[in-house]
Amino acid sequence: MTSEARRSDTDEEQVLELREEELRARKETVQTGEVRIGTEVVEEQQSLDVPVTREEVTIERHPVERRPADGSITDESATIQVPVREEQVSVDKRTVVTEEINVGKRQVQDTERLSGTVRREEARVDVDGDVETNDPR
């Protein structure tokens, strides 16, 4: 074991420093990926049932009791005009918002266990002969 010894101002006392290594963690922020959110146009066929109304002309014939007419028969023909209507359906499109997507980030804290081998110096006292010390160990 290597230690560092230094002498004090007096020659009687010497100091032996004991050292040890300790683990130290450093953190660095790195980009680990990316999320891209975009839109894609998808087409689909849709059908829509729409009730529509139309008019039909009804013609009913029925015999009547004979009675005198108001006028005589001429070369001009009598005409009745009946307008006929119906609903016609057309399709148009409009764009509507159906959903919103909120994108954000949040901080999540985890704990990682790091391990490594560290060294330390311990004092070893060798006694040769009949010497007493007050070393508590």
Protein backbone atom coordinates (compact mmCIF):
# COMPACT_ATOMS: atom_id res chain seq x y z
CA MET A 1 0.00 0.00 0.00
CA THR A 2 1.28 3.38 -0.84
CA SER A 3 0.64 6.16 1.60
CA GLU A 4 1.82 9.64 1.94
CA ALA A 5 3.89 10.43 4.99
CA ARG A 6 4.77 13.90 6.13
CA ARG A 7 6.76 15.23 8.98
CA SER A 8 5.51 17.87 11.33
CA ASP A 9 7.60 20.77 12.53
CA THR A 10 8.98 18.69 15.33
CA ASP A 11 11.06 15.64 14.56
CA GLU A 12 9.21 13.65 17.21
CA GLU A 13 5.87 13.42 15.38
CA GLN A 14 5.19 12.07 11.92
CA VAL A 15 1.79 11.87 10.22
CA LEU A 16 0.70 9.06 7.94
CA GLU A 17 -2.29 9.91 5.71
CA LEU A 18 -4.71 7.13 4.79
CA ARG A 19 -6.51 7.55 1.50
CA GLU A 20 -9.40 5.85 -0.24
CA GLU A 21 -11.16 6.00 -3.56
CA GLU A 22 -14.86 6.74 -3.80
CA LEU A 23 -17.33 6.41 -6.62
CA ARG A 24 -18.67 9.59 -8.15
CA ALA A 25 -21.54 9.70 -10.63
CA ARG A 26 -21.69 12.23 -13.44
CA LYS A 27 -24.86 12.79 -15.43
CA GLU A 28 -25.07 13.92 -19.02
CA THR A 29 -28.22 14.62 -20.99
CA VAL A 30 -28.26 12.87 -24.36
CA GLN A 31 -30.95 12.56 -27.00
CA THR A 32 -32.15 8.97 -27.11
CA GLY A 33 -34.83 9.31 -29.76
CA GLU A 34 -37.50 11.47 -31.29
CA VAL A 35 -41.25 11.32 -31.78
CA ARG A 36 -42.80 12.75 -34.90
CA ILE A 37 -46.54 13.30 -35.06
CA GLY A 38 -48.07 14.33 -38.35
CA THR A 39 -51.18 13.81 -40.41
CA GLU A 40 -51.98 11.44 -43.22
CA VAL A 41 -54.90 11.69 -45.65
CA VAL A 42 -57.03 8.56 -45.80
CA GLU A 43 -59.93 8.23 -48.23
CA GLU A 44 -63.08 6.24 -47.56
CA GLN A 45 -66.39 5.87 -49.33
CA GLN A 46 -69.46 7.03 -47.39
CA SER A 47 -73.13 6.74 -48.21
CA LEU A 48 -75.87 8.99 -46.94
CA ASP A 49 -79.59 8.21 -47.07
CA VAL A 50 -81.58 11.40 -47.61
CA PRO A 51 -85.39 11.40 -47.70
CA VAL A 52 -86.68 13.38 -50.69
CA THR A 53 -90.18 14.40 -51.67
CA ARG A 54 -91.57 14.49 -55.18
CA GLU A 55 -95.00 15.14 -56.61
CA GLU A 56 -96.89 12.79 -58.83
CA VAL A 57 -99.87 13.76 -60.95
CA THR A 58 -102.94 11.74 -60.35
CA ILE A 59 -105.64 11.53 -62.96
CA GLU A 60 -109.01 10.17 -62.03
CA ARG A 61 -111.82 9.64 -64.46
CA HIS A 62 -115.41 9.03 -63.44
CA PRO A 63 -118.67 9.27 -65.24
CA VAL A 64 -121.07 12.13 -64.44
CA GLU A 65 -124.73 12.63 -65.01
CA ARG A 66 -125.29 14.21 -68.33
CA ARG A 67 -125.99 17.93 -68.16
CA PRO A 68 -125.81 20.76 -70.66
CA ALA A 69 -122.31 22.23 -71.27
CA ASP A 70 -121.53 25.93 -70.90
CA GLY A 71 -120.22 26.31 -74.41
CA SER A 72 -119.93 24.62 -77.73
CA ILE A 73 -117.02 22.58 -79.00
CA THR A 74 -114.48 24.70 -80.85
CA ASP A 75 -111.23 24.02 -82.65
CA GLU A 76 -109.35 25.36 -79.63
CA SER A 77 -108.49 22.71 -77.13
CA ALA A 78 -108.84 23.20 -73.41
CA THR A 79 -105.63 22.80 -71.47
CA ILE A 80 -104.90 22.45 -67.79
CA GLN A 81 -101.30 22.93 -66.64
CA VAL A 82 -100.20 21.30 -63.41
CA PRO A 83 -96.65 22.11 -62.28
CA VAL A 84 -94.86 19.10 -60.76
CA ARG A 85 -92.06 19.57 -58.27
CA GLU A 86 -89.49 17.34 -56.59
CA GLU A 87 -86.55 17.76 -54.23
CA GLN A 88 -83.17 17.19 -55.76
CA VAL A 89 -80.16 16.32 -53.61
CA SER A 90 -76.65 17.55 -54.17
CA VAL A 91 -73.55 16.72 -52.18
CA ASP A 92 -71.02 19.17 -50.91
CA LYS A 93 -68.21 18.73 -48.42
CA ARG A 94 -67.02 20.77 -45.50
CA THR A 95 -64.00 20.29 -43.31
CA VAL A 96 -64.62 19.87 -39.59
CA VAL A 97 -62.30 19.34 -36.64
CA THR A 98 -62.90 15.95 -35.02
CA GLU A 99 -59.99 15.59 -32.61
CA GLU A 100 -57.08 17.45 -31.09
CA ILE A 101 -53.76 15.93 -30.10
CA ASN A 102 -51.76 17.57 -27.34
CA VAL A 103 -48.07 16.71 -27.39
CA GLY A 104 -45.77 17.50 -24.51
CA LYS A 105 -42.95 16.12 -22.43
CA ARG A 106 -42.65 15.34 -18.76
CA GLN A 107 -39.75 14.57 -16.49
CA VAL A 108 -39.63 11.03 -15.12
CA GLN A 109 -37.03 10.19 -12.49
CA ASP A 110 -35.59 6.71 -12.16
CA THR A 111 -32.67 5.36 -10.17
CA GLU A 112 -29.79 3.52 -11.76
CA ARG A 113 -27.41 1.44 -9.66
CA LEU A 114 -23.76 1.96 -10.50
CA SER A 115 -21.00 -0.19 -9.13
CA GLY A 116 -17.25 -0.16 -9.39
CA THR A 117 -14.19 -1.34 -7.54
CA VAL A 118 -12.60 1.19 -5.19
CA ARG A 119 -9.45 0.94 -3.10
CA ARG A 120 -8.52 2.33 0.27
CA GLU A 121 -5.50 2.37 2.47
CA GLU A 122 -5.63 0.92 5.93
CA ALA A 123 -3.03 1.33 8.61
CA ARG A 124 -1.05 -1.77 9.52
CA VAL A 125 0.91 -1.66 12.72
CA ASP A 126 3.74 -4.16 12.97
CA VAL A 127 5.24 -4.61 16.39
CA ASP A 128 8.67 -6.13 16.70
CA GLY A 129 9.72 -7.04 20.16
CA ASP A 130 8.12 -6.03 23.46
CA VAL A 131 6.54 -2.71 22.44
CA GLU A 132 3.26 -1.38 23.77
CA THR A 133 1.03 0.90 21.66
CA ASN A 134 -2.16 2.68 22.40
CA ASP A 135 -3.63 1.80 18.93
CA PRO A 136 -7.36 1.18 19.51
CA ARG A 137 -7.49 -1.45 16.78
